[in-house]
Amino acid sequence: ILCSKDEELCKYWKKYFKSDDQKNVFIYEGDIRAVRTSGVTAYICFTS
């Protein structure tokens, strides 16, 4: 799940991740805390 509140970033995600090869990739525009999942979830933390 690609998640961001940035409308422009989500627009470009939809542009690139649109083929059948990415059918398990989902785009969520909004707060990461609002994403609802079932089961165990891994969150990616980009840092310095």
All heavy atoms as atom14 arrays in JSON, in Angstrom:
{
  "sequence": "ILCSKDEELCKYWKKYFKSDDQKNVFIYEGDIRAVRTSGVTAYICFTS",
  "atom14_mask": [
    [1, 1, 1, 1, 1, 1, 1, 1, 0, 0, 0, 0, 0, 0],
    [1, 1, 1, 1, 1, 1, 1, 1, 0, 0, 0, 0, 0, 0],
    [1, 1, 1, 1, 1, 1, 0, 0, 0, 0, 0, 0, 0, 0],
    [1, 1, 1, 1, 1, 1, 0, 0, 0, 0, 0, 0, 0, 0],
    [1, 1, 1, 1, 1, 1, 1, 1, 1, 0, 0, 0, 0, 0],
    [1, 1, 1, 1, 1, 1, 1, 1, 0, 0, 0, 0, 0, 0],
    [1, 1, 1, 1, 1, 1, 1, 1, 1, 0, 0, 0, 0, 0],
    [1, 1, 1, 1, 1, 1, 1, 1, 1, 0, 0, 0, 0, 0],
    [1, 1, 1, 1, 1, 1, 1, 1, 0, 0, 0, 0, 0, 0],
    [1, 1, 1, 1, 1, 1, 0, 0, 0, 0, 0, 0, 0, 0],
    [1, 1, 1, 1, 1, 1, 1, 1, 1, 0, 0, 0, 0, 0],
    [1, 1, 1, 1, 1, 1, 1, 1, 1, 1, 1, 1, 0, 0],
    [1, 1, 1, 1, 1, 1, 1, 1, 1, 1, 1, 1, 1, 1],
    [1, 1, 1, 1, 1, 1, 1, 1, 1, 0, 0, 0, 0, 0],
    [1, 1, 1, 1, 1, 1, 1, 1, 1, 0, 0, 0, 0, 0],
    [1, 1, 1, 1, 1, 1, 1, 1, 1, 1, 1, 1, 0, 0],
    [1, 1, 1, 1, 1, 1, 1, 1, 1, 1, 1, 0, 0, 0],
    [1, 1, 1, 1, 1, 1, 1, 1, 1, 0, 0, 0, 0, 0],
    [1, 1, 1, 1, 1, 1, 0, 0, 0, 0, 0, 0, 0, 0],
    [1, 1, 1, 1, 1, 1, 1, 1, 0, 0, 0, 0, 0, 0],
    [1, 1, 1, 1, 1, 1, 1, 1, 0, 0, 0, 0, 0, 0],
    [1, 1, 1, 1, 1, 1, 1, 1, 1, 0, 0, 0, 0, 0],
    [1, 1, 1, 1, 1, 1, 1, 1, 1, 0, 0, 0, 0, 0],
    [1, 1, 1, 1, 1, 1, 1, 1, 0, 0, 0, 0, 0, 0],
    [1, 1, 1, 1, 1, 1, 1, 0, 0, 0, 0, 0, 0, 0],
    [1, 1, 1, 1, 1, 1, 1, 1, 1, 1, 1, 0, 0, 0],
    [1, 1, 1, 1, 1, 1, 1, 1, 0, 0, 0, 0, 0, 0],
    [1, 1, 1, 1, 1, 1, 1, 1, 1, 1, 1, 1, 0, 0],
    [1, 1, 1, 1, 1, 1, 1, 1, 1, 0, 0, 0, 0, 0],
    [1, 1, 1, 1, 0, 0, 0, 0, 0, 0, 0, 0, 0, 0],
    [1, 1, 1, 1, 1, 1, 1, 1, 0, 0, 0, 0, 0, 0],
    [1, 1, 1, 1, 1, 1, 1, 1, 0, 0, 0, 0, 0, 0],
    [1, 1, 1, 1, 1, 1, 1, 1, 1, 1, 1, 0, 0, 0],
    [1, 1, 1, 1, 1, 0, 0, 0, 0, 0, 0, 0, 0, 0],
    [1, 1, 1, 1, 1, 1, 1, 0, 0, 0, 0, 0, 0, 0],
    [1, 1, 1, 1, 1, 1, 1, 1, 1, 1, 1, 0, 0, 0],
    [1, 1, 1, 1, 1, 1, 1, 0, 0, 0, 0, 0, 0, 0],
    [1, 1, 1, 1, 1, 1, 0, 0, 0, 0, 0, 0, 0, 0],
    [1, 1, 1, 1, 0, 0, 0, 0, 0, 0, 0, 0, 0, 0],
    [1, 1, 1, 1, 1, 1, 1, 0, 0, 0, 0, 0, 0, 0],
    [1, 1, 1, 1, 1, 1, 1, 0, 0, 0, 0, 0, 0, 0],
    [1, 1, 1, 1, 1, 0, 0, 0, 0, 0, 0, 0, 0, 0],
    [1, 1, 1, 1, 1, 1, 1, 1, 1, 1, 1, 1, 0, 0],
    [1, 1, 1, 1, 1, 1, 1, 1, 0, 0, 0, 0, 0, 0],
    [1, 1, 1, 1, 1, 1, 0, 0, 0, 0, 0, 0, 0, 0],
    [1, 1, 1, 1, 1, 1, 1, 1, 1, 1, 1, 0, 0, 0],
    [1, 1, 1, 1, 1, 1, 1, 0, 0, 0, 0, 0, 0, 0],
    [1, 1, 1, 1, 1, 1, 0, 0, 0, 0, 0, 0, 0, 0]
  ],
  "atom14_positions": [
    [[0.84, -1.2, 0.0], [0.0, 0.0, 0.0], [0.87, 1.25, 0.0], [1.64, 1.48, 0.93], [-0.93, 0.01, 1.23], [-1.78, -1.27, 1.27], [-1.83, 1.25, 1.2], [-2.46, -1.51, 2.59], [0.0, 0.0, 0.0], [0.0, 0.0, 0.0], [0.0, 0.0, 0.0], [0.0, 0.0, 0.0], [0.0, 0.0, 0.0], [0.0, 0.0, 0.0]],
    [[0.76, 2.04, -1.06], [1.44, 3.33, -1.14], [0.51, 4.38, -0.53], [-0.63, 4.53, -0.97], [1.76, 3.69, -2.59], [2.66, 2.69, -3.34], [2.68, 3.02, -4.83], [4.06, 2.7, -2.76], [0.0, 0.0, 0.0], [0.0, 0.0, 0.0], [0.0, 0.0, 0.0], [0.0, 0.0, 0.0], [0.0, 0.0, 0.0], [0.0, 0.0, 0.0]],
    [[0.99, 5.09, 0.48], [0.1, 5.97, 1.24], [0.69, 7.37, 1.37], [1.85, 7.53, 1.78], [-0.15, 5.37, 2.62], [-1.18, 6.39, 3.69], [0.0, 0.0, 0.0], [0.0, 0.0, 0.0], [0.0, 0.0, 0.0], [0.0, 0.0, 0.0], [0.0, 0.0, 0.0], [0.0, 0.0, 0.0], [0.0, 0.0, 0.0], [0.0, 0.0, 0.0]],
    [[-0.1, 8.38, 1.03], [0.33, 9.77, 1.19], [-0.88, 10.68, 1.17], [-1.9, 10.39, 0.53], [1.29, 10.17, 0.06], [1.65, 11.54, 0.18], [0.0, 0.0, 0.0], [0.0, 0.0, 0.0], [0.0, 0.0, 0.0], [0.0, 0.0, 0.0], [0.0, 0.0, 0.0], [0.0, 0.0, 0.0], [0.0, 0.0, 0.0], [0.0, 0.0, 0.0]],
    [[-0.76, 11.81, 1.85], [-1.8, 12.85, 1.78], [-1.52, 13.82, 0.64], [-2.31, 14.72, 0.38], [-1.86, 13.6, 3.11], [-2.35, 12.75, 4.27], [-2.66, 13.56, 5.51], [-1.42, 14.1, 6.16], [-1.7, 14.8, 7.44], [0.0, 0.0, 0.0], [0.0, 0.0, 0.0], [0.0, 0.0, 0.0], [0.0, 0.0, 0.0], [0.0, 0.0, 0.0]],
    [[-0.39, 13.64, -0.04], [0.02, 14.51, -1.13], [-0.71, 14.09, -2.42], [-0.44, 13.03, -2.99], [1.53, 14.43, -1.33], [2.06, 15.45, -2.32], [1.44, 15.63, -3.38], [3.11, 16.06, -2.04], [0.0, 0.0, 0.0], [0.0, 0.0, 0.0], [0.0, 0.0, 0.0], [0.0, 0.0, 0.0], [0.0, 0.0, 0.0], [0.0, 0.0, 0.0]],
    [[-1.63, 14.93, -2.87], [-2.43, 14.61, -4.05], [-1.57, 14.42, -5.3], [-1.81, 13.52, -6.11], [-3.46, 15.72, -4.3], [-4.37, 15.47, -5.5], [-5.37, 16.6, -5.7], [-5.37, 17.56, -4.89], [-6.14, 16.53, -6.68], [0.0, 0.0, 0.0], [0.0, 0.0, 0.0], [0.0, 0.0, 0.0], [0.0, 0.0, 0.0], [0.0, 0.0, 0.0]],
    [[-0.55, 15.27, -5.45], [0.3, 15.18, -6.64], [1.1, 13.88, -6.65], [1.22, 13.22, -7.69], [1.25, 16.37, -6.7], [2.06, 16.44, -8.0], [2.94, 17.66, -8.08], [3.05, 18.39, -7.07], [3.53, 17.9, -9.16], [0.0, 0.0, 0.0], [0.0, 0.0, 0.0], [0.0, 0.0, 0.0], [0.0, 0.0, 0.0], [0.0, 0.0, 0.0]],
    [[1.63, 13.47, -5.51], [2.38, 12.23, -5.44], [1.47, 11.05, -5.76], [1.86, 10.14, -6.52], [2.99, 12.06, -4.04], [3.73, 10.75, -3.79], [4.86, 10.54, -4.8], [4.28, 10.71, -2.36], [0.0, 0.0, 0.0], [0.0, 0.0, 0.0], [0.0, 0.0, 0.0], [0.0, 0.0, 0.0], [0.0, 0.0, 0.0], [0.0, 0.0, 0.0]],
    [[0.28, 11.03, -5.22], [-0.66, 9.95, -5.51], [-1.0, 9.89, -7.0], [-1.17, 8.81, -7.57], [-1.93, 10.11, -4.68], [-1.7, 9.8, -2.9], [0.0, 0.0, 0.0], [0.0, 0.0, 0.0], [0.0, 0.0, 0.0], [0.0, 0.0, 0.0], [0.0, 0.0, 0.0], [0.0, 0.0, 0.0], [0.0, 0.0, 0.0], [0.0, 0.0, 0.0]],
    [[-1.09, 11.05, -7.62], [-1.36, 11.1, -9.06], [-0.25, 10.41, -9.83], [-0.51, 9.62, -10.75], [-1.49, 12.55, -9.52], [-1.74, 12.71, -11.02], [-1.69, 14.18, -11.45], [-0.25, 14.71, -11.43], [-0.17, 16.09, -11.99], [0.0, 0.0, 0.0], [0.0, 0.0, 0.0], [0.0, 0.0, 0.0], [0.0, 0.0, 0.0], [0.0, 0.0, 0.0]],
    [[1.0, 10.66, -9.47], [2.12, 10.03, -10.16], [2.24, 8.55, -9.82], [2.63, 7.74, -10.66], [3.42, 10.76, -9.85], [3.55, 12.07, -10.59], [3.57, 13.28, -9.91], [3.64, 12.09, -11.99], [3.68, 14.49, -10.59], [3.74, 13.29, -12.68], [3.76, 14.49, -11.98], [3.87, 15.68, -12.67], [0.0, 0.0, 0.0], [0.0, 0.0, 0.0]],
    [[1.91, 8.18, -8.59], [1.88, 6.75, -8.26], [0.9, 6.02, -9.18], [1.21, 4.96, -9.7], [1.46, 6.57, -6.8], [2.59, 6.63, -5.82], [3.92, 6.47, -6.07], [2.47, 6.86, -4.41], [4.65, 6.58, -4.9], [3.79, 6.82, -3.88], [1.41, 7.1, -3.55], [4.04, 7.01, -2.52], [1.66, 7.29, -2.2], [2.97, 7.25, -1.69]],
    [[-0.28, 6.62, -9.37], [-1.29, 5.99, -10.23], [-0.8, 5.91, -11.67], [-1.13, 4.97, -12.39], [-2.6, 6.79, -10.15], [-3.29, 6.69, -8.8], [-4.49, 7.61, -8.72], [-5.12, 7.58, -7.34], [-6.27, 8.53, -7.21], [0.0, 0.0, 0.0], [0.0, 0.0, 0.0], [0.0, 0.0, 0.0], [0.0, 0.0, 0.0], [0.0, 0.0, 0.0]],
    [[0.0, 6.87, -12.08], [0.55, 6.86, -13.43], [1.51, 5.7, -13.64], [1.45, 5.01, -14.66], [1.26, 8.19, -13.72], [2.01, 8.22, -15.05], [2.76, 9.53, -15.23], [3.6, 9.53, -16.52], [4.35, 10.8, -16.69], [0.0, 0.0, 0.0], [0.0, 0.0, 0.0], [0.0, 0.0, 0.0], [0.0, 0.0, 0.0], [0.0, 0.0, 0.0]],
    [[2.4, 5.47, -12.67], [3.43, 4.45, -12.83], [2.96, 3.06, -12.44], [3.3, 2.07, -13.09], [4.68, 4.84, -12.03], [5.42, 6.02, -12.61], [5.39, 7.27, -11.98], [6.13, 5.91, -13.8], [6.07, 8.37, -12.51], [6.8, 7.0, -14.34], [6.77, 8.22, -13.69], [7.43, 9.29, -14.23], [0.0, 0.0, 0.0], [0.0, 0.0, 0.0]],
    [[2.2, 2.97, -11.35], [1.76, 1.66, -10.87], [0.36, 1.34, -11.42], [-0.62, 1.3, -10.69], [1.73, 1.63, -9.33], [3.07, 1.69, -8.69], [3.65, 2.91, -8.39], [3.76, 0.53, -8.36], [4.9, 2.98, -7.77], [5.01, 0.59, -7.74], [5.58, 1.82, -7.46], [0.0, 0.0, 0.0], [0.0, 0.0, 0.0], [0.0, 0.0, 0.0]],
    [[0.28, 1.11, -12.71], [-1.04, 0.93, -13.32], [-1.19, -0.37, -14.1], [-2.29, -0.7, -14.54], [-1.34, 2.11, -14.25], [-0.37, 2.23, -15.43], [-0.72, 3.44, -16.29], [0.26, 3.58, -17.46], [-0.06, 4.76, -18.31], [0.0, 0.0, 0.0], [0.0, 0.0, 0.0], [0.0, 0.0, 0.0], [0.0, 0.0, 0.0], [0.0, 0.0, 0.0]],
    [[-0.12, -1.13, -14.29], [-0.22, -2.34, -15.1], [-0.62, -3.54, -14.25], [-0.64, -3.49, -13.01], [1.12, -2.64, -15.78], [2.08, -3.08, -14.85], [0.0, 0.0, 0.0], [0.0, 0.0, 0.0], [0.0, 0.0, 0.0], [0.0, 0.0, 0.0], [0.0, 0.0, 0.0], [0.0, 0.0, 0.0], [0.0, 0.0, 0.0], [0.0, 0.0, 0.0]],
    [[-0.93, -4.65, -14.91], [-1.32, -5.87, -14.21], [-0.19, -6.42, -13.35], [-0.42, -7.17, -12.41], [-1.78, -6.94, -15.2], [-3.1, -6.58, -15.85], [-3.83, -5.76, -15.26], [-3.4, -7.13, -16.92], [0.0, 0.0, 0.0], [0.0, 0.0, 0.0], [0.0, 0.0, 0.0], [0.0, 0.0, 0.0], [0.0, 0.0, 0.0], [0.0, 0.0, 0.0]],
    [[1.04, -6.06, -13.7], [2.19, -6.54, -12.92], [2.19, -5.95, -11.52], [2.87, -6.46, -10.63], [3.5, -6.17, -13.62], [3.69, -6.92, -14.92], [3.09, -8.01, -15.05], [4.42, -6.43, -15.79], [0.0, 0.0, 0.0], [0.0, 0.0, 0.0], [0.0, 0.0, 0.0], [0.0, 0.0, 0.0], [0.0, 0.0, 0.0], [0.0, 0.0, 0.0]],
    [[1.45, -4.86, -11.32], [1.37, -4.23, -10.0], [-0.03, -4.37, -9.4], [-0.5, -3.52, -8.67], [1.73, -2.73, -10.1], [3.2, -2.46, -10.35], [3.56, -2.57, -11.82], [2.87, -2.05, -12.68], [4.65, -3.27, -12.12], [0.0, 0.0, 0.0], [0.0, 0.0, 0.0], [0.0, 0.0, 0.0], [0.0, 0.0, 0.0], [0.0, 0.0, 0.0]],
    [[-0.69, -5.5, -9.71], [-2.07, -5.66, -9.24], [-2.18, -5.83, -7.73], [-3.27, -5.7, -7.17], [-2.73, -6.84, -9.95], [-2.04, -8.18, -9.74], [-2.71, -9.25, -10.6], [-1.99, -10.59, -10.46], [-2.63, -11.61, -11.33], [0.0, 0.0, 0.0], [0.0, 0.0, 0.0], [0.0, 0.0, 0.0], [0.0, 0.0, 0.0], [0.0, 0.0, 0.0]],
    [[-1.06, -6.12, -7.06], [-1.09, -6.21, -5.59], [-0.6, -4.92, -4.93], [-0.34, -4.9, -3.73], [-0.26, -7.4, -5.1], [1.22, -7.26, -5.45], [1.56, -6.6, -6.43], [2.08, -7.86, -4.65], [0.0, 0.0, 0.0], [0.0, 0.0, 0.0], [0.0, 0.0, 0.0], [0.0, 0.0, 0.0], [0.0, 0.0, 0.0], [0.0, 0.0, 0.0]],
    [[-0.48, -3.85, -5.73], [-0.09, -2.54, -5.21], [-1.32, -1.64, -5.16], [-2.01, -1.47, -6.16], [1.0, -1.89, -6.09], [1.35, -0.5, -5.55], [2.25, -2.76, -6.13], [0.0, 0.0, 0.0], [0.0, 0.0, 0.0], [0.0, 0.0, 0.0], [0.0, 0.0, 0.0], [0.0, 0.0, 0.0], [0.0, 0.0, 0.0], [0.0, 0.0, 0.0]],
    [[-1.6, -1.08, -4.01], [-2.77, -0.23, -3.82], [-2.31, 1.17, -3.4], [-1.3, 1.33, -2.71], [-3.68, -0.83, -2.76], [-4.1, -2.25, -3.04], [-3.36, -3.31, -2.53], [-5.19, -2.52, -3.84], [-3.72, -4.62, -2.8], [-5.57, -3.82, -4.12], [-4.83, -4.88, -3.6], [0.0, 0.0, 0.0], [0.0, 0.0, 0.0], [0.0, 0.0, 0.0]],
    [[-3.06, 2.17, -3.8], [-2.71, 3.56, -3.5], [-3.8, 4.16, -2.62], [-4.98, 4.11, -2.95], [-2.55, 4.37, -4.8], [-1.4, 3.8, -5.63], [-2.3, 5.85, -4.49], [-1.32, 4.34, -7.04], [0.0, 0.0, 0.0], [0.0, 0.0, 0.0], [0.0, 0.0, 0.0], [0.0, 0.0, 0.0], [0.0, 0.0, 0.0], [0.0, 0.0, 0.0]],
    [[-3.36, 4.69, -1.5], [-4.29, 5.3, -0.55], [-3.91, 6.76, -0.34], [-2.81, 7.06, 0.12], [-4.26, 4.55, 0.79], [-5.22, 5.11, 1.82], [-6.54, 4.69, 1.86], [-4.81, 6.07, 2.75], [-7.43, 5.2, 2.8], [-5.68, 6.59, 3.69], [-7.0, 6.16, 3.7], [-7.88, 6.67, 4.62], [0.0, 0.0, 0.0], [0.0, 0.0, 0.0]],
    [[-4.81, 7.66, -0.67], [-4.57, 9.08, -0.47], [-5.22, 9.5, 0.84], [-6.46, 9.54, 0.96], [-5.14, 9.91, -1.63], [-4.84, 11.39, -1.51], [-5.36, 12.21, -2.68], [-5.68, 11.62, -3.74], [-5.46, 13.45, -2.54], [0.0, 0.0, 0.0], [0.0, 0.0, 0.0], [0.0, 0.0, 0.0], [0.0, 0.0, 0.0], [0.0, 0.0, 0.0]],
    [[-4.4, 9.77, 1.84], [-4.93, 10.15, 3.14], [-3.92, 9.86, 4.24], [-2.76, 9.54, 3.99], [0.0, 0.0, 0.0], [0.0, 0.0, 0.0], [0.0, 0.0, 0.0], [0.0, 0.0, 0.0], [0.0, 0.0, 0.0], [0.0, 0.0, 0.0], [0.0, 0.0, 0.0], [0.0, 0.0, 0.0], [0.0, 0.0, 0.0], [0.0, 0.0, 0.0]],
    [[-4.37, 10.0, 5.47], [-3.53, 9.81, 6.65], [-3.2, 8.34, 6.82], [-4.09, 7.48, 6.74], [-4.26, 10.34, 7.89], [-3.34, 10.49, 9.09], [-2.68, 9.5, 9.46], [-3.28, 11.59, 9.66], [0.0, 0.0, 0.0], [0.0, 0.0, 0.0], [0.0, 0.0, 0.0], [0.0, 0.0, 0.0], [0.0, 0.0, 0.0], [0.0, 0.0, 0.0]],
    [[-1.93, 8.04, 7.09], [-1.51, 6.64, 7.23], [-2.22, 5.96, 8.39], [-2.43, 4.74, 8.38], [0.02, 6.58, 7.4], [0.55, 5.19, 7.07], [0.44, 7.03, 8.8], [2.05, 5.14, 6.91], [0.0, 0.0, 0.0], [0.0, 0.0, 0.0], [0.0, 0.0, 0.0], [0.0, 0.0, 0.0], [0.0, 0.0, 0.0], [0.0, 0.0, 0.0]],
    [[-2.63, 6.73, 9.38], [-3.33, 6.16, 10.53], [-4.74, 5.72, 10.19], [-5.37, 4.96, 10.95], [-3.36, 7.16, 11.68], [-2.01, 7.42, 12.34], [-2.0, 8.63, 13.22], [-2.1, 9.87, 12.45], [-1.95, 11.08, 12.95], [-1.69, 11.22, 14.25], [-2.05, 12.15, 12.18], [0.0, 0.0, 0.0], [0.0, 0.0, 0.0], [0.0, 0.0, 0.0]],
    [[-5.24, 6.17, 9.05], [-6.6, 5.81, 8.64], [-6.65, 4.56, 7.77], [-7.74, 4.08, 7.45], [-7.25, 6.99, 7.89], [0.0, 0.0, 0.0], [0.0, 0.0, 0.0], [0.0, 0.0, 0.0], [0.0, 0.0, 0.0], [0.0, 0.0, 0.0], [0.0, 0.0, 0.0], [0.0, 0.0, 0.0], [0.0, 0.0, 0.0], [0.0, 0.0, 0.0]],
    [[-5.5, 4.04, 7.39], [-5.47, 2.83, 6.56], [-5.91, 1.64, 7.4], [-5.38, 1.39, 8.48], [-4.05, 2.57, 6.0], [-4.04, 1.3, 5.16], [-3.59, 3.76, 5.17], [0.0, 0.0, 0.0], [0.0, 0.0, 0.0], [0.0, 0.0, 0.0], [0.0, 0.0, 0.0], [0.0, 0.0, 0.0], [0.0, 0.0, 0.0], [0.0, 0.0, 0.0]],
    [[-6.89, 0.91, 6.92], [-7.41, -0.26, 7.64], [-6.93, -1.53, 6.96], [-7.18, -1.73, 5.77], [-8.94, -0.22, 7.68], [-9.5, 0.97, 8.47], [-9.19, 0.83, 9.95], [-9.66, 1.99, 10.73], [-8.88, 2.96, 11.14], [-7.58, 2.94, 10.85], [-9.36, 3.97, 11.84], [0.0, 0.0, 0.0], [0.0, 0.0, 0.0], [0.0, 0.0, 0.0]],
    [[-6.24, -2.36, 7.7], [-5.74, -3.62, 7.17], [-6.11, -4.75, 8.12], [-6.43, -4.53, 9.29], [-4.21, -3.6, 7.02], [-3.62, -3.34, 8.31], [-3.77, -2.53, 6.03], [0.0, 0.0, 0.0], [0.0, 0.0, 0.0], [0.0, 0.0, 0.0], [0.0, 0.0, 0.0], [0.0, 0.0, 0.0], [0.0, 0.0, 0.0], [0.0, 0.0, 0.0]],
    [[-6.08, -5.96, 7.61], [-6.28, -7.14, 8.46], [-4.99, -7.94, 8.46], [-4.29, -8.03, 7.45], [-7.43, -8.0, 7.92], [-7.18, -8.43, 6.6], [0.0, 0.0, 0.0], [0.0, 0.0, 0.0], [0.0, 0.0, 0.0], [0.0, 0.0, 0.0], [0.0, 0.0, 0.0], [0.0, 0.0, 0.0], [0.0, 0.0, 0.0], [0.0, 0.0, 0.0]],
    [[-4.66, -8.5, 9.61], [-3.42, -9.24, 9.72], [-2.26, -8.34, 10.13], [-2.44, -7.19, 10.52], [0.0, 0.0, 0.0], [0.0, 0.0, 0.0], [0.0, 0.0, 0.0], [0.0, 0.0, 0.0], [0.0, 0.0, 0.0], [0.0, 0.0, 0.0], [0.0, 0.0, 0.0], [0.0, 0.0, 0.0], [0.0, 0.0, 0.0], [0.0, 0.0, 0.0]],
    [[-1.06, -8.88, 10.01], [0.15, -8.16, 10.43], [0.6, -7.21, 9.33], [0.63, -7.58, 8.15], [1.28, -9.15, 10.78], [2.56, -8.4, 11.15], [0.84, -10.04, 11.94], [0.0, 0.0, 0.0], [0.0, 0.0, 0.0], [0.0, 0.0, 0.0], [0.0, 0.0, 0.0], [0.0, 0.0, 0.0], [0.0, 0.0, 0.0], [0.0, 0.0, 0.0]],
    [[0.97, -5.99, 9.72], [1.37, -4.95, 8.77], [2.78, -4.48, 9.05], [3.16, -4.3, 10.2], [0.4, -3.75, 8.84], [-0.92, -4.18, 8.49], [0.84, -2.64, 7.9], [0.0, 0.0, 0.0], [0.0, 0.0, 0.0], [0.0, 0.0, 0.0], [0.0, 0.0, 0.0], [0.0, 0.0, 0.0], [0.0, 0.0, 0.0], [0.0, 0.0, 0.0]],
    [[3.56, -4.29, 7.98], [4.9, -3.69, 8.09], [4.84, -2.27, 7.54], [4.36, -2.06, 6.43], [5.92, -4.53, 7.33], [0.0, 0.0, 0.0], [0.0, 0.0, 0.0], [0.0, 0.0, 0.0], [0.0, 0.0, 0.0], [0.0, 0.0, 0.0], [0.0, 0.0, 0.0], [0.0, 0.0, 0.0], [0.0, 0.0, 0.0], [0.0, 0.0, 0.0]],
    [[5.32, -1.31, 8.3], [5.36, 0.08, 7.91], [6.8, 0.44, 7.52], [7.73, 0.14, 8.26], [4.9, 0.99, 9.05], [3.47, 0.79, 9.48], [3.12, -0.24, 10.34], [2.47, 1.63, 9.02], [1.8, -0.43, 10.75], [1.15, 1.46, 9.42], [0.82, 0.42, 10.28], [-0.49, 0.24, 10.67], [0.0, 0.0, 0.0], [0.0, 0.0, 0.0]],
    [[6.96, 1.11, 6.38], [8.29, 1.5, 5.94], [8.61, 2.88, 6.51], [7.82, 3.83, 6.37], [8.4, 1.53, 4.41], [7.9, 0.21, 3.84], [9.84, 1.8, 3.99], [8.54, -1.02, 4.44], [0.0, 0.0, 0.0], [0.0, 0.0, 0.0], [0.0, 0.0, 0.0], [0.0, 0.0, 0.0], [0.0, 0.0, 0.0], [0.0, 0.0, 0.0]],
    [[9.77, 2.98, 7.15], [10.2, 4.21, 7.8], [11.5, 4.68, 7.15], [12.57, 4.12, 7.41], [10.39, 3.95, 9.29], [11.08, 5.33, 10.22], [0.0, 0.0, 0.0], [0.0, 0.0, 0.0], [0.0, 0.0, 0.0], [0.0, 0.0, 0.0], [0.0, 0.0, 0.0], [0.0, 0.0, 0.0], [0.0, 0.0, 0.0], [0.0, 0.0, 0.0]],
    [[11.4, 5.68, 6.28], [12.59, 6.27, 5.66], [13.17, 7.31, 6.61], [12.46, 8.19, 7.08], [12.23, 6.91, 4.32], [11.74, 5.94, 3.29], [10.4, 5.89, 2.94], [12.62, 5.08, 2.66], [9.94, 5.0, 1.98], [12.18, 4.18, 1.7], [10.84, 4.14, 1.36], [0.0, 0.0, 0.0], [0.0, 0.0, 0.0], [0.0, 0.0, 0.0]],
    [[14.45, 7.21, 6.88], [15.06, 8.09, 7.86], [16.48, 8.44, 7.44], [16.96, 7.98, 6.39], [15.07, 7.42, 9.25], [15.62, 8.3, 10.21], [15.88, 6.12, 9.23], [0.0, 0.0, 0.0], [0.0, 0.0, 0.0], [0.0, 0.0, 0.0], [0.0, 0.0, 0.0], [0.0, 0.0, 0.0], [0.0, 0.0, 0.0], [0.0, 0.0, 0.0]],
    [[17.17, 9.23, 8.23], [18.59, 9.5, 8.0], [19.4, 8.43, 8.72], [18.87, 7.65, 9.52], [18.98, 10.89, 8.49], [18.9, 10.95, 9.9], [0.0, 0.0, 0.0], [0.0, 0.0, 0.0], [0.0, 0.0, 0.0], [0.0, 0.0, 0.0], [0.0, 0.0, 0.0], [0.0, 0.0, 0.0], [0.0, 0.0, 0.0], [0.0, 0.0, 0.0]]
  ]
}
